[in-house]
Amino acid sequence: MTITAVAERARPQDERTLRQLQAQREELAERIARAVPRDGAVELLDGLTLARLSSPSIPLPSVAEPSFCVIAQGRKEVLVERNRYEYDPFHYLLATVELPRLSRVIEASPERPYLSLTLRLTPSQVTEVLLSAGYVPKRSSAHAVNVSPLDERLLDAVVRLVRLLETPEEAPILMPLVTREIIYRLLVGEQGRRLCHLVLQGGMPSAITSAVTYLRRHFAEPLRIEHLARELGMSVSSLHHHFKAVTGLSPLRYLKQLRLQEARRLMLNEGLDATSAAFRVGYQDVSHFNRDYRGLFGLPPVRDVQRLRQELEALAAGSD
């Protein structure tokens, strides 16, 4: 049976299925809460990170790596450019290209903390499943991040993955098998084409992944878009078109967001002033940096960092 045929075998959710889903969600939340008893994020198995948070958070910048994300309890919001993605225990988020983003937990409390897991995905893992299933990946211009419903088969595999935390002697053998099943479920689901961004060798998604990797490694250096296009074997116009189709951003805007998010982190976490942060991330003109920063975050750098610190202090005080 082909992957397409399997994907078409969708069944309506009857009452028994709904009860099973609820039981699986409750078990998942219980196991994550037990594995992560205090607020924070911990990688407990290779590529598997569990997180817990007892109060809502402020929007914080990060770069999403290719990953499969599930929430067992609570809700989270992810902003990529002008696109907003919200997910909860009934939905999963899939990201297939490293993207600058803002994310925040929007539902959490000490009584019902936010609980989640993130499974890192690699091209070799996805390729292995594709070859085993006899699936030929197709080019796709789908954006590299989206949210979809979490069905019972996929959730069941996620629960079995987390169960391995309690049998560490079995995890090295069984985790690759359960991960393969999760990747397979993703491939036969509505985000299958998006997942192929990770494996299309020689195709546009592969070239865009290479472009993203280059920009992340050299974000503080001047961007020579003609040089980058030539290295990828593309015209400048083709690079712009396909880069935006996958990431939702032009290469220049992607680079700008990387720089501004890193500058914000340097000011917030390392105490740098705006001028020092601007030069550290590659800006040569501080006034230009200030304009770009306000355009992305809504406030000048100093006022924005002050606001973030005040919000963090208020959240910390509220959780005491």
Protein backbone atom coordinates (compact mmCIF):
# COMPACT_ATOMS: atom_id res chain seq x y z
CA MET A 1 0.00 0.00 0.00
CA THR A 2 1.37 3.42 -0.90
CA ILE A 3 1.73 6.32 1.51
CA THR A 4 -1.00 8.15 -0.38
CA ALA A 5 -3.38 5.24 0.14
CA VAL A 6 -2.59 5.12 3.85
CA ALA A 7 -3.16 8.86 4.17
CA GLU A 8 -6.59 8.52 2.61
CA ARG A 9 -7.73 5.99 5.23
CA ALA A 10 -9.00 8.73 7.55
CA ARG A 11 -11.71 7.69 9.98
CA PRO A 12 -14.17 9.93 11.74
CA GLN A 13 -13.46 10.27 15.44
CA ASP A 14 -16.10 8.32 17.37
CA GLU A 15 -16.71 8.57 21.09
CA ARG A 16 -14.32 5.71 21.87
CA THR A 17 -11.55 7.44 19.94
CA LEU A 18 -12.15 10.70 21.78
CA ARG A 19 -11.91 8.92 25.14
CA GLN A 20 -8.69 7.27 24.04
CA LEU A 21 -7.23 10.60 22.94
CA GLN A 22 -8.09 12.18 26.28
CA ALA A 23 -6.48 9.31 28.17
CA GLN A 24 -3.33 9.63 26.05
CA ARG A 25 -3.14 13.38 26.61
CA GLU A 26 -3.51 12.90 30.37
CA GLU A 27 -0.79 10.24 30.41
CA LEU A 28 1.54 12.43 28.36
CA ALA A 29 1.05 15.38 30.72
CA GLU A 30 1.61 13.19 33.77
CA ARG A 31 4.82 11.70 32.40
CA ILE A 32 6.29 15.06 31.34
CA ALA A 33 5.40 16.61 34.71
CA ARG A 34 7.13 13.73 36.47
CA ALA A 35 10.22 13.95 34.25
CA VAL A 36 10.52 17.76 34.57
CA PRO A 37 9.47 18.62 38.16
CA ARG A 38 10.67 22.24 37.97
CA ASP A 39 10.32 25.01 35.37
CA GLY A 40 12.78 24.77 32.51
CA ALA A 41 13.65 22.78 29.40
CA VAL A 42 15.75 19.61 29.53
CA GLU A 43 17.03 17.29 26.79
CA LEU A 44 16.46 13.91 28.44
CA LEU A 45 17.02 11.69 25.39
CA ASP A 46 19.07 12.46 22.30
CA GLY A 47 16.98 14.94 20.32
CA LEU A 48 14.04 14.88 22.75
CA THR A 49 13.54 17.99 24.91
CA LEU A 50 10.81 18.33 27.53
CA ALA A 51 9.70 21.69 28.94
CA ARG A 52 7.68 22.97 31.88
CA LEU A 53 6.52 26.49 32.74
CA SER A 54 4.24 27.52 35.62
CA SER A 55 3.13 30.92 34.28
CA PRO A 56 2.62 32.63 30.91
CA SER A 57 5.76 34.07 29.35
CA ILE A 58 6.63 37.20 27.41
CA PRO A 59 7.42 36.86 23.67
CA LEU A 60 11.08 35.91 23.39
CA PRO A 61 13.19 35.53 20.24
CA SER A 62 14.70 32.26 19.14
CA VAL A 63 15.55 30.38 15.96
CA ALA A 64 13.38 27.33 15.39
CA GLU A 65 15.34 24.27 14.32
CA PRO A 66 13.72 21.49 12.29
CA SER A 67 11.50 19.82 14.84
CA PHE A 68 8.17 18.28 15.80
CA CYS A 69 6.53 20.01 18.77
CA VAL A 70 3.68 18.73 20.96
CA ILE A 71 2.00 20.36 23.95
CA ALA A 72 0.63 18.09 26.67
CA GLN A 73 -0.86 20.91 28.74
CA GLY A 74 -1.27 24.66 28.15
CA ARG A 75 -1.02 26.76 24.99
CA LYS A 76 1.77 28.45 23.06
CA GLU A 77 1.96 31.13 20.37
CA VAL A 78 4.69 31.37 17.73
CA LEU A 79 5.14 34.42 15.51
CA VAL A 80 7.11 34.14 12.26
CA GLU A 81 7.14 37.46 10.40
CA ARG A 82 3.44 38.38 10.22
CA ASN A 83 2.19 34.83 10.63
CA ARG A 84 0.82 33.65 13.98
CA TYR A 85 0.72 29.97 14.93
CA GLU A 86 -1.08 28.90 18.10
CA TYR A 87 -1.16 25.31 19.29
CA ASP A 88 -2.31 23.28 22.27
CA PRO A 89 -2.78 19.61 23.29
CA PHE A 90 -5.02 19.06 20.25
CA HIS A 91 -2.48 20.29 17.67
CA TYR A 92 1.21 19.89 16.84
CA LEU A 93 3.68 22.29 15.25
CA LEU A 94 6.14 21.22 12.58
CA ALA A 95 9.14 23.36 11.60
CA THR A 96 11.42 22.20 8.79
CA VAL A 97 13.80 25.15 8.27
CA GLU A 98 15.65 27.24 10.85
CA LEU A 99 13.50 30.37 11.19
CA PRO A 100 13.79 33.43 13.44
CA ARG A 101 10.66 33.64 15.54
CA LEU A 102 9.03 35.06 18.63
CA SER A 103 7.32 32.58 20.92
CA ARG A 104 5.47 32.76 24.20
CA VAL A 105 3.48 30.48 26.45
CA ILE A 106 -0.03 31.94 26.72
CA GLU A 107 -1.67 29.42 29.06
CA ALA A 108 0.05 28.10 32.18
CA SER A 109 -0.37 28.16 35.95
CA PRO A 110 1.22 26.51 39.00
CA GLU A 111 -1.80 24.20 39.22
CA ARG A 112 -1.74 23.38 35.50
CA PRO A 113 1.74 24.14 34.16
CA TYR A 114 2.61 24.31 30.50
CA LEU A 115 4.12 20.94 29.51
CA SER A 116 5.59 20.17 26.11
CA LEU A 117 8.04 18.10 24.13
CA THR A 118 10.17 18.87 21.11
CA LEU A 119 11.65 16.15 18.90
CA ARG A 120 14.54 17.29 16.73
CA LEU A 121 14.34 16.02 13.13
CA THR A 122 17.30 15.42 10.82
CA PRO A 123 17.47 14.92 7.05
CA SER A 124 18.99 11.46 7.48
CA GLN A 125 16.08 10.30 9.68
CA VAL A 126 13.47 11.53 7.22
CA THR A 127 15.35 10.13 4.22
CA GLU A 128 15.54 6.69 5.81
CA VAL A 129 11.79 6.60 6.35
CA LEU A 130 11.09 7.87 2.84
CA LEU A 131 13.24 5.16 1.29
CA SER A 132 11.69 2.44 3.43
CA ALA A 133 8.19 3.59 2.48
CA GLY A 134 9.02 3.93 -1.21
CA TYR A 135 7.82 7.53 -1.17
CA VAL A 136 9.14 9.95 -3.78
CA PRO A 137 9.31 13.47 -2.29
CA LYS A 138 7.84 16.28 -4.34
CA ARG A 139 8.91 19.88 -4.45
CA SER A 140 6.78 22.10 -2.30
CA SER A 141 6.57 25.85 -1.82
CA ALA A 142 4.79 25.42 1.53
CA HIS A 143 6.06 27.63 4.31
CA ALA A 144 8.49 25.85 6.61
CA VAL A 145 6.27 26.00 9.69
CA ASN A 146 2.62 25.20 10.39
CA VAL A 147 0.19 23.70 12.88
CA SER A 148 -2.02 20.64 12.32
CA PRO A 149 -4.43 18.49 14.38
CA LEU A 150 -2.76 15.77 16.46
CA ASP A 151 -4.53 12.51 15.64
CA GLU A 152 -4.69 9.35 17.75
CA ARG A 153 -2.00 7.39 15.86
CA LEU A 154 0.54 10.20 16.07
CA LEU A 155 -0.30 10.92 19.71
CA ASP A 156 0.02 7.24 20.57
CA ALA A 157 3.56 7.19 19.15
CA VAL A 158 4.43 10.34 21.12
CA VAL A 159 3.22 8.76 24.37
CA ARG A 160 5.28 5.64 23.71
CA LEU A 161 8.33 7.81 23.05
CA VAL A 162 7.99 9.55 26.43
CA ARG A 163 7.44 6.22 28.19
CA LEU A 164 11.03 5.36 27.26
CA LEU A 165 12.22 7.88 29.84
CA GLU A 166 11.32 5.32 32.50
CA THR A 167 13.23 2.48 30.79
CA PRO A 168 16.60 4.06 29.92
CA GLU A 169 18.11 0.67 29.17
CA GLU A 170 15.58 0.24 26.33
CA ALA A 171 15.71 3.80 24.97
CA PRO A 172 18.79 3.39 22.72
CA ILE A 173 17.10 0.49 20.92
CA LEU A 174 13.46 1.59 20.85
CA MET A 175 13.73 5.36 20.46
CA PRO A 176 14.93 5.18 16.82
CA LEU A 177 12.02 2.86 16.02
CA VAL A 178 9.38 5.13 17.61
CA THR A 179 10.97 8.19 15.99
CA ARG A 180 10.71 6.47 12.61
CA GLU A 181 7.02 5.84 13.27
CA ILE A 182 6.46 9.51 14.18
CA ILE A 183 8.18 10.63 10.98
CA TYR A 184 6.07 8.19 9.00
CA ARG A 185 2.86 9.51 10.60
CA LEU A 186 3.94 13.04 9.71
CA LEU A 187 4.66 12.02 6.12
CA VAL A 188 1.23 10.48 5.63
CA GLY A 189 -0.44 13.47 7.26
CA GLU A 190 -1.28 16.89 5.89
CA GLN A 191 2.24 18.19 6.51
CA GLY A 192 4.01 15.47 4.55
CA ARG A 193 5.15 17.77 1.77
CA ARG A 194 6.45 20.29 4.28
CA LEU A 195 8.55 17.58 5.90
CA CYS A 196 10.17 16.92 2.53
CA HIS A 197 11.97 20.26 2.84
CA LEU A 198 14.50 18.31 4.87
CA VAL A 199 15.40 15.78 2.20
CA LEU A 200 15.01 17.19 -1.29
CA GLN A 201 18.57 16.94 -2.50
CA GLY A 202 19.23 19.27 -5.41
CA GLY A 203 15.75 20.75 -5.17
CA MET A 204 14.78 24.27 -4.18
CA PRO A 205 14.01 23.46 -0.53
CA SER A 206 17.50 21.93 -0.21
CA ALA A 207 19.06 25.06 -1.72
CA ILE A 208 17.06 27.29 0.60
CA THR A 209 18.15 25.21 3.59
CA SER A 210 21.74 25.80 2.49
CA ALA A 211 21.03 29.53 2.21
CA VAL A 212 19.52 29.59 5.71
CA THR A 213 22.55 27.76 7.11
CA TYR A 214 24.89 30.27 5.47
CA LEU A 215 22.98 33.27 6.80
CA ARG A 216 22.89 31.88 10.33
CA ARG A 217 26.63 31.25 10.33
CA HIS A 218 27.52 34.63 8.83
CA PHE A 219 24.73 36.88 10.11
CA ALA A 220 27.15 39.53 11.44
CA GLU A 221 28.91 39.86 8.08
CA PRO A 222 27.80 41.99 5.10
CA LEU A 223 25.42 40.04 2.85
CA ARG A 224 26.44 39.74 -0.76
CA ILE A 225 23.25 38.35 -2.24
CA GLU A 226 24.79 37.88 -5.70
CA HIS A 227 27.58 35.78 -4.21
CA LEU A 228 25.12 33.65 -2.23
CA ALA A 229 22.92 33.08 -5.30
CA ARG A 230 25.94 32.11 -7.37
CA GLU A 231 27.12 29.63 -4.72
CA LEU A 232 23.68 27.99 -4.80
CA GLY A 233 23.55 27.89 -8.59
CA MET A 234 20.56 30.25 -8.71
CA SER A 235 19.79 33.66 -10.09
CA VAL A 236 19.20 36.48 -7.62
CA SER A 237 15.51 36.66 -8.55
CA SER A 238 15.09 32.89 -8.20
CA LEU A 239 16.76 32.94 -4.78
CA HIS A 240 14.44 35.71 -3.60
CA HIS A 241 11.34 33.93 -4.90
CA HIS A 242 12.07 30.48 -3.47
CA PHE A 243 13.53 31.74 -0.20
CA LYS A 244 10.37 33.71 0.52
CA ALA A 245 8.13 30.82 -0.58
CA VAL A 246 9.71 28.53 2.05
CA THR A 247 10.52 30.93 4.91
CA GLY A 248 7.98 33.69 4.34
CA LEU A 249 10.84 36.22 4.34
CA SER A 250 13.25 37.67 1.82
CA PRO A 251 16.93 36.83 2.47
CA LEU A 252 17.61 40.41 3.57
CA ARG A 253 14.65 40.45 5.96
CA TYR A 254 15.62 37.05 7.33
CA LEU A 255 19.13 38.34 8.01
CA LYS A 256 17.76 41.51 9.62
CA GLN A 257 15.58 39.51 11.99
CA LEU A 258 18.50 37.27 12.96
CA ARG A 259 20.58 40.34 13.77
CA LEU A 260 17.87 42.12 15.72
CA GLN A 261 16.90 39.06 17.75
CA GLU A 262 20.54 38.43 18.66
CA ALA A 263 20.97 42.12 19.59
CA ARG A 264 17.92 41.89 21.83
CA ARG A 265 19.33 38.80 23.53
CA LEU A 266 22.70 40.49 24.07
CA MET A 267 21.06 43.51 25.72
CA LEU A 268 18.63 41.48 27.82
CA ASN A 269 20.87 38.60 28.92
CA GLU A 270 24.41 40.00 28.72
CA GLY A 271 23.80 43.64 29.62
CA LEU A 272 25.20 45.19 26.44
CA ASP A 273 24.11 48.71 25.54
CA ALA A 274 22.35 49.33 22.23
CA THR A 275 25.42 50.65 20.43
CA SER A 276 27.61 47.69 21.42
CA ALA A 277 24.88 45.21 20.51
CA ALA A 278 24.33 46.88 17.14
CA PHE A 279 27.99 46.63 16.18
CA ARG A 280 28.26 43.07 17.53
CA VAL A 281 25.53 41.82 15.17
CA GLY A 282 26.83 43.58 12.07
CA TYR A 283 25.22 47.04 11.98
CA GLN A 284 27.50 49.90 10.99
CA ASP A 285 24.97 52.67 11.64
CA VAL A 286 23.35 52.88 15.09
CA SER A 287 20.48 55.08 13.89
CA HIS A 288 19.69 52.48 11.22
CA PHE A 289 19.78 49.79 13.92
CA ASN A 290 17.39 51.79 16.11
CA ARG A 291 14.90 52.21 13.25
CA ASP A 292 14.98 48.53 12.34
CA TYR A 293 14.70 47.48 15.98
CA ARG A 294 11.66 49.63 16.59
CA GLY A 295 10.08 48.38 13.36
CA LEU A 296 10.36 44.75 14.53
CA PHE A 297 9.75 45.03 18.28
CA GLY A 298 7.60 48.19 18.46
CA LEU A 299 9.87 50.17 20.82
CA PRO A 300 13.40 51.65 20.75
CA PRO A 301 16.04 49.24 22.09
CA VAL A 302 16.47 50.73 25.59
CA ARG A 303 12.74 51.05 26.27
CA ASP A 304 12.04 47.57 24.88
CA VAL A 305 14.65 45.91 27.11
CA GLN A 306 13.38 47.85 30.14
CA ARG A 307 9.84 46.67 29.39
CA LEU A 308 11.00 43.05 28.98
CA ARG A 309 12.82 43.14 32.31
CA GLN A 310 9.79 44.62 34.06
CA GLU A 311 7.53 41.94 32.56
CA LEU A 312 9.96 39.19 33.57
CA GLU A 313 10.11 40.56 37.12
CA ALA A 314 6.31 40.74 37.28
CA LEU A 315 5.97 37.16 36.04
CA ALA A 316 8.56 35.99 38.55
CA ALA A 317 6.79 37.79 41.37
CA GLY A 318 3.43 36.32 40.31
CA SER A 319 4.79 32.78 40.42
CA ASP A 320 6.12 33.11 44.00
